C-alpha cells in the first residue's frame, strides 16, 4: 500500500506520543527487517532507523513512520506495510546527517509515495 503521509504515524498504528521504540523488532509483510536502532520524533519528519543485520549486509535503513501499520508494545514488535525487498530498495541510508538532509529525505518521501497500492494482509 502506498502512503500519503510518509512522516506521520497512521492513527490505527497504535503509536503513542513519547513511546520509545528502540530495540523493537521490525516486520515487513514477508519477514523480519531488523531492529529499531533509533527513532526521530520531530513532528514533520518522524522515522525509524532500523539495523537490518545480515540480510542487507549489516546496513541500516531509514523507514518513515507512515510505513508503520502496527505497534505491539507487549511483543516489542512493529509491522510495516511493505515487503522486505521494498524496504531494501529504498534510497540507501549511510549516515545520520542524511536524517537532516532535505534532498535525501525528499528521495525517501518520493520512493514510499510511489510504491504501488496493496491490500492489507
PDB file of N, CA and C in Angstrom:
ATOM      1  N   UNK A   1       0.840  -1.169   0.000  1.00  0.00           N
ATOM      2  CA  UNK A   1       0.000   0.000   0.000  1.00  0.00           C
ATOM      3  C   UNK A   1       0.882   1.228   0.000  1.00  0.00           C
ATOM      4  N   UNK A   2       0.577   2.190  -0.825  1.00  0.00           N
ATOM      5  CA  UNK A   2       1.340   3.429  -0.841  1.00  0.00           C
ATOM      6  C   UNK A   2       0.940   4.255   0.377  1.00  0.00           C
ATOM      7  N   UNK A   3       1.754   5.240   0.682  1.00  0.00           N
ATOM      8  CA  UNK A   3       1.433   6.083   1.836  1.00  0.00           C
ATOM      9  C   UNK A   3       1.367   7.539   1.402  1.00  0.00           C
ATOM     10  N   UNK A   4       0.331   8.214   1.871  1.00  0.00           N
ATOM     11  CA  UNK A   4       0.136   9.619   1.529  1.00  0.00           C
ATOM     12  C   UNK A   4       0.906  10.545   2.454  1.00  0.00           C
ATOM     13  N   UNK A   5       1.113  10.130   3.682  1.00  0.00           N
ATOM     14  CA  UNK A   5       1.813  10.953   4.668  1.00  0.00           C
ATOM     15  C   UNK A   5       2.961  10.142   5.264  1.00  0.00           C
ATOM     16  N   UNK A   6       4.082  10.047   4.535  1.00  0.00           N
ATOM     17  CA  UNK A   6       5.170   9.169   4.975  1.00  0.00           C
ATOM     18  C   UNK A   6       5.742   9.497   6.353  1.00  0.00           C
ATOM     19  N   UNK A   7       5.669  10.730   6.789  1.00  0.00           N
ATOM     20  CA  UNK A   7       6.377  11.140   8.001  1.00  0.00           C
ATOM     21  C   UNK A   7       5.477  11.226   9.233  1.00  0.00           C
ATOM     22  N   UNK A   8       4.271  10.677   9.139  1.00  0.00           N
ATOM     23  CA  UNK A   8       3.333  10.688  10.271  1.00  0.00           C
ATOM     24  C   UNK A   8       2.835   9.274  10.524  1.00  0.00           C
ATOM     25  N   UNK A   9       2.799   8.890  11.802  1.00  0.00           N
ATOM     26  CA  UNK A   9       2.238   7.586  12.137  1.00  0.00           C
ATOM     27  C   UNK A   9       0.759   7.554  11.785  1.00  0.00           C
ATOM     28  N   UNK A  10       0.307   6.438  11.259  1.00  0.00           N
ATOM     29  CA  UNK A  10      -1.110   6.247  10.962  1.00  0.00           C
ATOM     30  C   UNK A  10      -1.867   6.187  12.288  1.00  0.00           C
ATOM     31  N   UNK A  11      -3.053   6.777  12.351  1.00  0.00           N
ATOM     32  CA  UNK A  11      -3.816   6.737  13.596  1.00  0.00           C
ATOM     33  C   UNK A  11      -4.052   5.312  14.110  1.00  0.00           C
ATOM     34  N   UNK A  12      -4.246   4.355  13.201  1.00  0.00           N
ATOM     35  CA  UNK A  12      -4.529   2.975  13.594  1.00  0.00           C
ATOM     36  C   UNK A  12      -3.277   2.167  13.934  1.00  0.00           C
ATOM     37  N   UNK A  13      -2.087   2.779  13.866  1.00  0.00           N
ATOM     38  CA  UNK A  13      -0.837   2.044  14.104  1.00  0.00           C
ATOM     39  C   UNK A  13      -0.624   1.691  15.570  1.00  0.00           C
ATOM     40  N   UNK A  14      -1.272   2.398  16.469  1.00  0.00           N
ATOM     41  CA  UNK A  14      -1.060   2.155  17.892  1.00  0.00           C
ATOM     42  C   UNK A  14       0.065   2.992  18.479  1.00  0.00           C
ATOM     43  N   UNK A  15       0.636   3.896  17.699  1.00  0.00           N
ATOM     44  CA  UNK A  15       1.708   4.751  18.202  1.00  0.00           C
ATOM     45  C   UNK A  15       1.183   5.687  19.280  1.00  0.00           C
ATOM     46  N   UNK A  16       1.982   5.845  20.334  1.00  0.00           N
ATOM     47  CA  UNK A  16       1.652   6.770  21.412  1.00  0.00           C
ATOM     48  C   UNK A  16       2.782   7.780  21.547  1.00  0.00           C
ATOM     49  N   UNK A  17       2.427   9.037  21.735  1.00  0.00           N
ATOM     50  CA  UNK A  17       3.442  10.084  21.894  1.00  0.00           C
ATOM     51  C   UNK A  17       4.418   9.717  23.011  1.00  0.00           C
ATOM     52  N   UNK A  18       5.695   9.923  22.759  1.00  0.00           N
ATOM     53  CA  UNK A  18       6.725   9.653  23.748  1.00  0.00           C
ATOM     54  C   UNK A  18       7.124   8.192  23.859  1.00  0.00           C
ATOM     55  N   UNK A  19       6.528   7.334  23.060  1.00  0.00           N
ATOM     56  CA  UNK A  19       6.809   5.903  23.090  1.00  0.00           C
ATOM     57  C   UNK A  19       8.212   5.629  22.570  1.00  0.00           C
ATOM     58  N   UNK A  20       9.016   4.912  23.340  1.00  0.00           N
ATOM     59  CA  UNK A  20      10.371   4.552  22.922  1.00  0.00           C
ATOM     60  C   UNK A  20      10.316   3.220  22.183  1.00  0.00           C
ATOM     61  N   UNK A  21      10.645   3.248  20.897  1.00  0.00           N
ATOM     62  CA  UNK A  21      10.585   2.048  20.067  1.00  0.00           C
ATOM     63  C   UNK A  21      11.953   1.390  19.868  1.00  0.00           C
ATOM     64  N   UNK A  22      12.978   1.935  20.492  1.00  0.00           N
ATOM     65  CA  UNK A  22      14.330   1.388  20.366  1.00  0.00           C
ATOM     66  C   UNK A  22      14.338  -0.073  20.789  1.00  0.00           C
ATOM     67  N   UNK A  23      14.922  -0.916  19.943  1.00  0.00           N
ATOM     68  CA  UNK A  23      15.030  -2.336  20.234  1.00  0.00           C
ATOM     69  C   UNK A  23      13.856  -3.165  19.749  1.00  0.00           C
ATOM     70  N   UNK A  24      12.774  -2.535  19.304  1.00  0.00           N
ATOM     71  CA  UNK A  24      11.633  -3.286  18.782  1.00  0.00           C
ATOM     72  C   UNK A  24      12.037  -3.996  17.496  1.00  0.00           C
ATOM     73  N   UNK A  25      11.525  -5.186  17.283  1.00  0.00           N
ATOM     74  CA  UNK A  25      11.720  -5.923  16.038  1.00  0.00           C
ATOM     75  C   UNK A  25      10.804  -5.326  14.985  1.00  0.00           C
ATOM     76  N   UNK A  26      11.304  -5.183  13.764  1.00  0.00           N
ATOM     77  CA  UNK A  26      10.531  -4.613  12.665  1.00  0.00           C
ATOM     78  C   UNK A  26      10.226  -5.710  11.658  1.00  0.00           C
ATOM     79  N   UNK A  27       8.925  -5.907  11.401  1.00  0.00           N
ATOM     80  CA  UNK A  27       8.459  -6.956  10.497  1.00  0.00           C
ATOM     81  C   UNK A  27       7.842  -6.347   9.243  1.00  0.00           C
ATOM     82  N   UNK A  28       8.334  -6.773   8.093  1.00  0.00           N
ATOM     83  CA  UNK A  28       7.714  -6.418   6.816  1.00  0.00           C
ATOM     84  C   UNK A  28       6.562  -7.403   6.590  1.00  0.00           C
ATOM     85  N   UNK A  29       5.871  -7.272   5.468  1.00  0.00           N
ATOM     86  CA  UNK A  29       4.763  -8.178   5.181  1.00  0.00           C
ATOM     87  C   UNK A  29       5.228  -9.609   4.939  1.00  0.00           C
ATOM     88  N   UNK A  30       6.530  -9.781   4.664  1.00  0.00           N
ATOM     89  CA  UNK A  30       7.046 -11.111   4.338  1.00  0.00           C
ATOM     90  C   UNK A  30       8.256 -11.528   5.165  1.00  0.00           C
ATOM     91  N   UNK A  31       8.445 -10.916   6.324  1.00  0.00           N
ATOM     92  CA  UNK A  31       9.551 -11.344   7.180  1.00  0.00           C
ATOM     93  C   UNK A  31      10.186 -10.197   7.937  1.00  0.00           C
ATOM     94  N   UNK A  32      11.161 -10.543   8.734  1.00  0.00           N
ATOM     95  CA  UNK A  32      11.823  -9.579   9.606  1.00  0.00           C
ATOM     96  C   UNK A  32      12.772  -8.682   8.827  1.00  0.00           C
ATOM     97  N   UNK A  33      12.714  -7.378   9.132  1.00  0.00           N
ATOM     98  CA  UNK A  33      13.620  -6.395   8.547  1.00  0.00           C
ATOM     99  C   UNK A  33      14.816  -6.183   9.463  1.00  0.00           C
ATOM    100  N   UNK A  34      14.584  -6.097  10.760  1.00  0.00           N
ATOM    101  CA  UNK A  34      15.655  -5.861  11.721  1.00  0.00           C
ATOM    102  C   UNK A  34      15.107  -5.318  13.013  1.00  0.00           C
ATOM    103  N   UNK A  35      15.926  -4.505  13.694  1.00  0.00           N
ATOM    104  CA  UNK A  35      15.529  -3.900  14.958  1.00  0.00           C
ATOM    105  C   UNK A  35      15.716  -2.393  14.894  1.00  0.00           C
ATOM    106  N   UNK A  36      14.845  -1.680  15.599  1.00  0.00           N
ATOM    107  CA  UNK A  36      14.948  -0.227  15.657  1.00  0.00           C
ATOM    108  C   UNK A  36      16.205   0.131  16.434  1.00  0.00           C
ATOM    109  N   UNK A  37      17.100   0.847  15.780  1.00  0.00           N
ATOM    110  CA  UNK A  37      18.324   1.327  16.407  1.00  0.00           C
ATOM    111  C   UNK A  37      18.075   2.671  17.076  1.00  0.00           C
ATOM    112  N   UNK A  38      17.305   3.519  16.382  1.00  0.00           N
ATOM    113  CA  UNK A  38      16.940   4.835  16.932  1.00  0.00           C
ATOM    114  C   UNK A  38      15.732   5.366  16.185  1.00  0.00           C
ATOM    115  N   UNK A  39      15.135   6.379  16.749  1.00  0.00           N
ATOM    116  CA  UNK A  39      13.947   6.958  16.152  1.00  0.00           C
ATOM    117  C   UNK A  39      14.031   8.469  16.225  1.00  0.00           C
ATOM    118  N   UNK A  40      13.333   9.124  15.309  1.00  0.00           N
ATOM    119  CA  UNK A  40      13.235  10.585  15.322  1.00  0.00           C
ATOM    120  C   UNK A  40      11.762  10.932  15.427  1.00  0.00           C
ATOM    121  N   UNK A  41      11.439  11.751  16.393  1.00  0.00           N
ATOM    122  CA  UNK A  41      10.056  12.136  16.606  1.00  0.00           C
ATOM    123  C   UNK A  41       9.812  13.608  16.353  1.00  0.00           C
ATOM    124  N   UNK A  42      10.611  14.209  15.470  1.00  0.00           N
ATOM    125  CA  UNK A  42      10.345  15.576  15.035  1.00  0.00           C
ATOM    126  C   UNK A  42       9.014  15.519  14.294  1.00  0.00           C
ATOM    127  N   UNK A  43       8.066  16.344  14.672  1.00  0.00           N
ATOM    128  CA  UNK A  43       6.680  16.176  14.237  1.00  0.00           C
ATOM    129  C   UNK A  43       6.483  16.073  12.731  1.00  0.00           C
ATOM    130  N   UNK A  44       7.286  16.740  11.930  1.00  0.00           N
ATOM    131  CA  UNK A  44       7.055  16.693  10.487  1.00  0.00           C
ATOM    132  C   UNK A  44       7.979  15.725   9.752  1.00  0.00           C
ATOM    133  N   UNK A  45       8.829  14.994  10.451  1.00  0.00           N
ATOM    134  CA  UNK A  45       9.755  14.051   9.814  1.00  0.00           C
ATOM    135  C   UNK A  45      10.009  12.834  10.701  1.00  0.00           C
ATOM    136  N   UNK A  46       8.973  12.244  11.239  1.00  0.00           N
ATOM    137  CA  UNK A  46       9.131  11.078  12.117  1.00  0.00           C
ATOM    138  C   UNK A  46       9.581   9.869  11.304  1.00  0.00           C
ATOM    139  N   UNK A  47      10.575   9.169  11.838  1.00  0.00           N
ATOM    140  CA  UNK A  47      11.090   7.991  11.158  1.00  0.00           C
ATOM    141  C   UNK A  47      11.831   7.091  12.125  1.00  0.00           C
ATOM    142  N   UNK A  48      12.130   5.893  11.652  1.00  0.00           N
ATOM    143  CA  UNK A  48      12.911   4.916  12.397  1.00  0.00           C
ATOM    144  C   UNK A  48      14.170   4.602  11.605  1.00  0.00           C
ATOM    145  N   UNK A  49      15.269   4.425  12.302  1.00  0.00           N
ATOM    146  CA  UNK A  49      16.479   3.896  11.684  1.00  0.00           C
ATOM    147  C   UNK A  49      16.573   2.454  12.170  1.00  0.00           C
ATOM    148  N   UNK A  50      16.521   1.528  11.213  1.00  0.00           N
ATOM    149  CA  UNK A  50      16.439   0.101  11.514  1.00  0.00           C
ATOM    150  C   UNK A  50      17.742  -0.573  11.107  1.00  0.00           C
ATOM    151  N   UNK A  51      18.365  -1.245  12.067  1.00  0.00           N
ATOM    152  CA  UNK A  51      19.564  -2.036  11.802  1.00  0.00           C
ATOM    153  C   UNK A  51      19.101  -3.360  11.215  1.00  0.00           C
ATOM    154  N   UNK A  52      19.528  -3.657   9.980  1.00  0.00           N
ATOM    155  CA  UNK A  52      18.997  -4.818   9.260  1.00  0.00           C
ATOM    156  C   UNK A  52      19.708  -6.126   9.562  1.00  0.00           C
ATOM    157  N   UNK A  53      20.890  -6.068  10.116  1.00  0.00           N
ATOM    158  CA  UNK A  53      21.622  -7.317  10.318  1.00  0.00           C
ATOM    159  C   UNK A  53      22.156  -7.829   8.998  1.00  0.00           C
ATOM    160  N   UNK A  54      22.229  -9.137   8.856  1.00  0.00           N
ATOM    161  CA  UNK A  54      22.925  -9.728   7.711  1.00  0.00           C
ATOM    162  C   UNK A  54      22.170  -9.677   6.395  1.00  0.00           C
ATOM    163  N   UNK A  55      20.839  -9.555   6.402  1.00  0.00           N
ATOM    164  CA  UNK A  55      20.122  -9.661   5.116  1.00  0.00           C
ATOM    165  C   UNK A  55      20.370  -8.477   4.205  1.00  0.00           C
ATOM    166  N   UNK A  56      20.841  -7.336   4.725  1.00  0.00           N
ATOM    167  CA  UNK A  56      21.281  -6.225   3.871  1.00  0.00           C
ATOM    168  C   UNK A  56      22.733  -5.896   4.242  1.00  0.00           C
ATOM    169  N   UNK A  57      23.499  -6.931   4.488  1.00  0.00           N
ATOM    170  CA  UNK A  57      24.937  -6.787   4.769  1.00  0.00           C
ATOM    171  C   UNK A  57      25.220  -5.846   5.933  1.00  0.00           C
ATOM    172  N   UNK A  58      24.422  -5.935   6.993  1.00  0.00           N
ATOM    173  CA  UNK A  58      24.680  -5.175   8.203  1.00  0.00           C
ATOM    174  C   UNK A  58      24.427  -3.691   8.082  1.00  0.00           C
ATOM    175  N   UNK A  59      23.659  -3.280   7.112  1.00  0.00           N
ATOM    176  CA  UNK A  59      23.352  -1.857   6.907  1.00  0.00           C
ATOM    177  C   UNK A  59      22.135  -1.450   7.718  1.00  0.00           C
ATOM    178  N   UNK A  60      21.910  -0.158   7.776  1.00  0.00           N
ATOM    179  CA  UNK A  60      20.705   0.388   8.375  1.00  0.00           C
ATOM    180  C   UNK A  60      19.827   0.943   7.271  1.00  0.00           C
ATOM    181  N   UNK A  61      18.527   0.989   7.520  1.00  0.00           N
ATOM    182  CA  UNK A  61      17.586   1.601   6.595  1.00  0.00           C
ATOM    183  C   UNK A  61      16.764   2.631   7.357  1.00  0.00           C
ATOM    184  N   UNK A  62      16.382   3.679   6.660  1.00  0.00           N
ATOM    185  CA  UNK A  62      15.515   4.690   7.241  1.00  0.00           C
ATOM    186  C   UNK A  62      14.089   4.357   6.801  1.00  0.00           C
ATOM    187  N   UNK A  63      13.197   4.196   7.770  1.00  0.00           N
ATOM    188  CA  UNK A  63      11.809   3.851   7.494  1.00  0.00           C
ATOM    189  C   UNK A  63      10.931   4.986   8.002  1.00  0.00           C
ATOM    190  N   UNK A  64      10.211   5.663   7.115  1.00  0.00           N
ATOM    191  CA  UNK A  64       9.326   6.736   7.569  1.00  0.00           C
ATOM    192  C   UNK A  64       8.187   6.157   8.407  1.00  0.00           C
ATOM    193  N   UNK A  65       7.736   6.914   9.374  1.00  0.00           N
ATOM    194  CA  UNK A  65       6.725   6.422  10.310  1.00  0.00           C
ATOM    195  C   UNK A  65       5.411   6.061   9.633  1.00  0.00           C
ATOM    196  N   UNK A  66       5.107   6.645   8.483  1.00  0.00           N
ATOM    197  CA  UNK A  66       3.878   6.314   7.768  1.00  0.00           C
ATOM    198  C   UNK A  66       3.857   4.905   7.229  1.00  0.00           C
ATOM    199  N   UNK A  67       5.011   4.229   7.184  1.00  0.00           N
ATOM    200  CA  UNK A  67       5.077   2.843   6.740  1.00  0.00           C
ATOM    201  C   UNK A  67       4.650   1.868   7.837  1.00  0.00           C
ATOM    202  N   UNK A  68       4.553   2.376   9.069  1.00  0.00           N
ATOM    203  CA  UNK A  68       4.202   1.531  10.214  1.00  0.00           C
ATOM    204  C   UNK A  68       2.692   1.296  10.231  1.00  0.00           C
ATOM    205  N   UNK A  69       2.301   0.016  10.230  1.00  0.00           N
ATOM    206  CA  UNK A  69       0.875  -0.318  10.302  1.00  0.00           C
ATOM    207  C   UNK A  69       0.463  -0.772  11.692  1.00  0.00           C
ATOM    208  N   UNK A  70       1.427  -1.189  12.510  1.00  0.00           N
ATOM    209  CA  UNK A  70       1.081  -1.638  13.850  1.00  0.00           C
ATOM    210  C   UNK A  70       2.270  -1.622  14.783  1.00  0.00           C
ATOM    211  N   UNK A  71       1.971  -1.354  16.059  1.00  0.00           N
ATOM    212  CA  UNK A  71       2.985  -1.384  17.111  1.00  0.00           C
ATOM    213  C   UNK A  71       2.417  -2.219  18.250  1.00  0.00           C
ATOM    214  N   UNK A  72       3.141  -3.283  18.613  1.00  0.00           N
ATOM    215  CA  UNK A  72       2.726  -4.150  19.707  1.00  0.00           C
ATOM    216  C   UNK A  72       3.752  -4.010  20.831  1.00  0.00           C
ATOM    217  N   UNK A  73       3.448  -3.166  21.837  1.00  0.00           N
ATOM    218  CA  UNK A  73       4.420  -2.958  22.916  1.00  0.00           C
ATOM    219  C   UNK A  73       4.731  -4.231  23.702  1.00  0.00           C
ATOM    220  N   UNK A  74       3.738  -5.097  23.885  1.00  0.00           N
ATOM    221  CA  UNK A  74       3.970  -6.329  24.636  1.00  0.00           C
ATOM    222  C   UNK A  74       4.963  -7.249  23.947  1.00  0.00           C
ATOM    223  N   UNK A  75       4.827  -7.388  22.643  1.00  0.00           N
ATOM    224  CA  UNK A  75       5.740  -8.228  21.862  1.00  0.00           C
ATOM    225  C   UNK A  75       6.983  -7.467  21.423  1.00  0.00           C
ATOM    226  N   UNK A  76       6.987  -6.150  21.660  1.00  0.00           N
ATOM    227  CA  UNK A  76       8.078  -5.269  21.213  1.00  0.00           C
ATOM    228  C   UNK A  76       8.309  -5.450  19.716  1.00  0.00           C
ATOM    229  N   UNK A  77       7.197  -5.322  18.969  1.00  0.00           N
ATOM    230  CA  UNK A  77       7.226  -5.565  17.531  1.00  0.00           C
ATOM    231  C   UNK A  77       6.485  -4.463  16.777  1.00  0.00           C
ATOM    232  N   UNK A  78       7.062  -4.105  15.629  1.00  0.00           N
ATOM    233  CA  UNK A  78       6.478  -3.116  14.722  1.00  0.00           C
ATOM    234  C   UNK A  78       6.220  -3.818  13.402  1.00  0.00           C
ATOM    235  N   UNK A  79       5.053  -3.585  12.807  1.00  0.00           N
ATOM    236  CA  UNK A  79       4.771  -4.139  11.490  1.00  0.00           C
ATOM    237  C   UNK A  79       4.725  -3.010  10.470  1.00  0.00           C
ATOM    238  N   UNK A  80       5.171  -3.330   9.264  1.00  0.00           N
ATOM    239  CA  UNK A  80       5.221  -2.368   8.164  1.00  0.00           C
ATOM    240  C   UNK A  80       4.249  -2.761   7.063  1.00  0.00           C
ATOM    241  N   UNK A  81       3.917  -1.808   6.219  1.00  0.00           N
ATOM    242  CA  UNK A  81       3.003  -2.024   5.095  1.00  0.00           C
ATOM    243  C   UNK A  81       3.719  -2.550   3.856  1.00  0.00           C
ATOM    244  N   UNK A  82       5.015  -2.789   3.929  1.00  0.00           N
ATOM    245  CA  UNK A  82       5.802  -3.115   2.749  1.00  0.00           C
ATOM    246  C   UNK A  82       6.579  -4.411   2.919  1.00  0.00           C
ATOM    247  N   UNK A  83       7.055  -4.941   1.799  1.00  0.00           N
ATOM    248  CA  UNK A  83       7.866  -6.158   1.810  1.00  0.00           C
ATOM    249  C   UNK A  83       9.313  -5.820   2.159  1.00  0.00           C
ATOM    250  N   UNK A  84      10.053  -6.855   2.469  1.00  0.00           N
ATOM    251  CA  UNK A  84      11.487  -6.674   2.742  1.00  0.00           C
ATOM    252  C   UNK A  84      12.194  -6.085   1.523  1.00  0.00           C
ATOM    253  N   UNK A  85      11.872  -6.585   0.329  1.00  0.00           N
ATOM    254  CA  UNK A  85      12.517  -6.067  -0.880  1.00  0.00           C
ATOM    255  C   UNK A  85      12.201  -4.598  -1.100  1.00  0.00           C
ATOM    256  N   UNK A  86      10.979  -4.185  -0.798  1.00  0.00           N
ATOM    257  CA  UNK A  86      10.621  -2.768  -0.961  1.00  0.00           C
ATOM    258  C   UNK A  86      11.396  -1.899   0.024  1.00  0.00           C
ATOM    259  N   UNK A  87      11.551  -2.370   1.256  1.00  0.00           N
ATOM    260  CA  UNK A  87      12.338  -1.623   2.245  1.00  0.00           C
ATOM    261  C   UNK A  87      13.798  -1.588   1.818  1.00  0.00           C
ATOM    262  N   UNK A  88      14.312  -2.714   1.360  1.00  0.00           N
ATOM    263  CA  UNK A  88      15.719  -2.806   0.932  1.00  0.00           C
ATOM    264  C   UNK A  88      16.003  -1.891  -0.263  1.00  0.00           C
ATOM    265  N   UNK A  89      15.024  -1.712  -1.166  1.00  0.00           N
ATOM    266  CA  UNK A  89      15.217  -0.907  -2.372  1.00  0.00           C
ATOM    267  C   UNK A  89      15.068   0.597  -2.138  1.00  0.00           C
ATOM    268  N   UNK A  90      14.705   0.995  -0.936  1.00  0.00           N
ATOM    269  CA  UNK A  90      14.569   2.426  -0.619  1.00  0.00           C
ATOM    270  C   UNK A  90      15.927   3.115  -0.760  1.00  0.00           C
ATOM    271  N   UNK A  91      15.945   4.441  -0.903  1.00  0.00           N
ATOM    272  CA  UNK A  91      17.222   5.149  -1.010  1.00  0.00           C
ATOM    273  C   UNK A  91      18.187   4.756   0.112  1.00  0.00           C
ATOM    274  N   UNK A  92      19.405   4.445  -0.274  1.00  0.00           N
ATOM    275  CA  UNK A  92      20.433   3.973   0.646  1.00  0.00           C
ATOM    276  C   UNK A  92      20.662   4.952   1.790  1.00  0.00           C
ATOM    277  N   UNK A  93      20.666   4.431   3.006  1.00  0.00           N
ATOM    278  CA  UNK A  93      20.953   5.223   4.203  1.00  0.00           C
ATOM    279  C   UNK A  93      22.384   4.949   4.610  1.00  0.00           C
ATOM    280  N   UNK A  94      23.176   6.011   4.709  1.00  0.00           N
ATOM    281  CA  UNK A  94      24.591   5.844   5.055  1.00  0.00           C
ATOM    282  C   UNK A  94      24.972   6.484   6.382  1.00  0.00           C
ATOM    283  N   UNK A  95      24.532   7.717   6.620  1.00  0.00           N
ATOM    284  CA  UNK A  95      24.972   8.438   7.822  1.00  0.00           C
ATOM    285  C   UNK A  95      23.811   9.185   8.466  1.00  0.00           C
ATOM    286  N   UNK A  96      23.976   9.472   9.742  1.00  0.00           N
ATOM    287  CA  UNK A  96      22.935  10.206  10.467  1.00  0.00           C
ATOM    288  C   UNK A  96      22.690  11.598   9.897  1.00  0.00           C
ATOM    289  N   UNK A  97      23.688  12.165   9.230  1.00  0.00           N
ATOM    290  CA  UNK A  97      23.480  13.505   8.669  1.00  0.00           C
ATOM    291  C   UNK A  97      22.370  13.494   7.614  1.00  0.00           C
ATOM    292  N   UNK A  98      22.128  12.340   7.001  1.00  0.00           N
ATOM    293  CA  UNK A  98      21.062  12.245   5.998  1.00  0.00           C
ATOM    294  C   UNK A  98      19.678  12.443   6.609  1.00  0.00           C
ATOM    295  N   UNK A  99      19.548  12.195   7.919  1.00  0.00           N
ATOM    296  CA  UNK A  99      18.245  12.378   8.561  1.00  0.00           C
ATOM    297  C   UNK A  99      17.872  13.857   8.633  1.00  0.00           C
ATOM    298  N   UNK A 100      18.814  14.727   8.297  1.00  0.00           N
ATOM    299  CA  UNK A 100      18.553  16.173   8.264  1.00  0.00           C
ATOM    300  C   UNK A 100      18.764  16.772   6.874  1.00  0.00           C
ATOM    301  N   UNK A 101      19.001  15.908   5.881  1.00  0.00           N
ATOM    302  CA  UNK A 101      19.280  16.355   4.522  1.00  0.00           C
ATOM    303  C   UNK A 101      17.975  16.387   3.716  1.00  0.00           C
ATOM    304  N   UNK A 102      17.502  17.588   3.360  1.00  0.00           N
ATOM    305  CA  UNK A 102      16.227  17.686   2.637  1.00  0.00           C
ATOM    306  C   UNK A 102      16.210  16.910   1.316  1.00  0.00           C
ATOM    307  N   UNK A 103      17.345  16.838   0.618  1.00  0.00           N
ATOM    308  CA  UNK A 103      17.401  16.103  -0.645  1.00  0.00           C
ATOM    309  C   UNK A 103      17.198  14.606  -0.417  1.00  0.00           C
ATOM    310  N   UNK A 104      17.925  14.057   0.549  1.00  0.00           N
ATOM    311  CA  UNK A 104      17.786  12.634   0.863  1.00  0.00           C
ATOM    312  C   UNK A 104      16.363  12.322   1.338  1.00  0.00           C
ATOM    313  N   UNK A 105      15.856  13.120   2.267  1.00  0.00           N
ATOM    314  CA  UNK A 105      14.503  12.883   2.783  1.00  0.00           C
ATOM    315  C   UNK A 105      13.459  13.023   1.681  1.00  0.00           C
ATOM    316  N   UNK A 106      13.693  13.904   0.737  1.00  0.00           N
ATOM    317  CA  UNK A 106      12.794  14.040  -0.408  1.00  0.00           C
ATOM    318  C   UNK A 106      12.783  12.792  -1.267  1.00  0.00           C
ATOM    319  N   UNK A 107      13.953  12.162  -1.449  1.00  0.00           N
ATOM    320  CA  UNK A 107      14.028  10.912  -2.215  1.00  0.00           C
ATOM    321  C   UNK A 107      13.302   9.776  -1.487  1.00  0.00           C
ATOM    322  N   UNK A 108      13.472   9.713  -0.156  1.00  0.00           N
ATOM    323  CA  UNK A 108      12.776   8.693   0.635  1.00  0.00           C
ATOM    324  C   UNK A 108      11.268   8.915   0.538  1.00  0.00           C
ATOM    325  N   UNK A 109      10.851  10.157   0.677  1.00  0.00           N
ATOM    326  CA  UNK A 109       9.431  10.512   0.589  1.00  0.00           C
ATOM    327  C   UNK A 109       8.862  10.084  -0.753  1.00  0.00           C
ATOM    328  N   UNK A 110       9.529  10.443  -1.839  1.00  0.00           N
ATOM    329  CA  UNK A 110       9.053  10.113  -3.187  1.00  0.00           C
ATOM    330  C   UNK A 110       9.016   8.596  -3.398  1.00  0.00           C
ATOM    331  N   UNK A 111      10.015   7.895  -2.889  1.00  0.00           N
ATOM    332  CA  UNK A 111      10.069   6.437  -3.047  1.00  0.00           C
ATOM    333  C   UNK A 111       8.848   5.778  -2.412  1.00  0.00           C
ATOM    334  N   UNK A 112       8.577   6.081  -1.146  1.00  0.00           N
ATOM    335  CA  UNK A 112       7.462   5.424  -0.452  1.00  0.00           C
ATOM    336  C   UNK A 112       6.108   5.860  -1.002  1.00  0.00           C
ATOM    337  N   UNK A 113       5.985   7.091  -1.421  1.00  0.00           N
ATOM    338  CA  UNK A 113       4.716   7.540  -2.020  1.00  0.00           C
ATOM    339  C   UNK A 113       4.446   6.847  -3.362  1.00  0.00           C
ATOM    340  N   UNK A 114       5.507   6.454  -4.071  1.00  0.00           N
ATOM    341  CA  UNK A 114       5.350   5.861  -5.410  1.00  0.00           C
ATOM    342  C   UNK A 114       5.114   4.349  -5.400  1.00  0.00           C
ATOM    343  N   UNK A 115       5.286   3.706  -4.249  1.00  0.00           N
ATOM    344  CA  UNK A 115       5.077   2.250  -4.221  1.00  0.00           C
ATOM    345  C   UNK A 115       3.625   1.938  -4.577  1.00  0.00           C
ATOM    346  N   UNK A 116       3.421   0.853  -5.314  1.00  0.00           N
ATOM    347  CA  UNK A 116       2.053   0.522  -5.747  1.00  0.00           C
ATOM    348  C   UNK A 116       1.155   0.180  -4.569  1.00  0.00           C
ATOM    349  N   UNK A 117      -0.117   0.569  -4.668  1.00  0.00           N
ATOM    350  CA  UNK A 117      -1.064   0.230  -3.603  1.00  0.00           C
ATOM    351  C   UNK A 117      -1.204  -1.290  -3.471  1.00  0.00           C
ATOM    352  N   UNK A 118      -1.386  -1.748  -2.267  1.00  0.00           N
ATOM    353  CA  UNK A 118      -1.561  -3.173  -1.985  1.00  0.00           C
ATOM    354  C   UNK A 118      -2.636  -3.297  -0.920  1.00  0.00           C
ATOM    355  N   UNK A 119      -3.382  -4.350  -0.991  1.00  0.00           N
ATOM    356  CA  UNK A 119      -4.408  -4.615   0.008  1.00  0.00           C
ATOM    357  C   UNK A 119      -3.753  -5.078   1.300  1.00  0.00           C
ATOM    358  N   UNK A 120      -4.229  -4.593   2.455  1.00  0.00           N
ATOM    359  CA  UNK A 120      -3.662  -5.068   3.722  1.00  0.00           C
ATOM    360  C   UNK A 120      -3.858  -6.570   3.862  1.00  0.00           C
ATOM    361  N   UNK A 121      -2.892  -7.222   4.484  1.00  0.00           N
ATOM    362  CA  UNK A 121      -2.961  -8.690   4.661  1.00  0.00           C
ATOM    363  C   UNK A 121      -4.027  -9.078   5.661  1.00  0.00           C
TER     364      UNK A 121
END
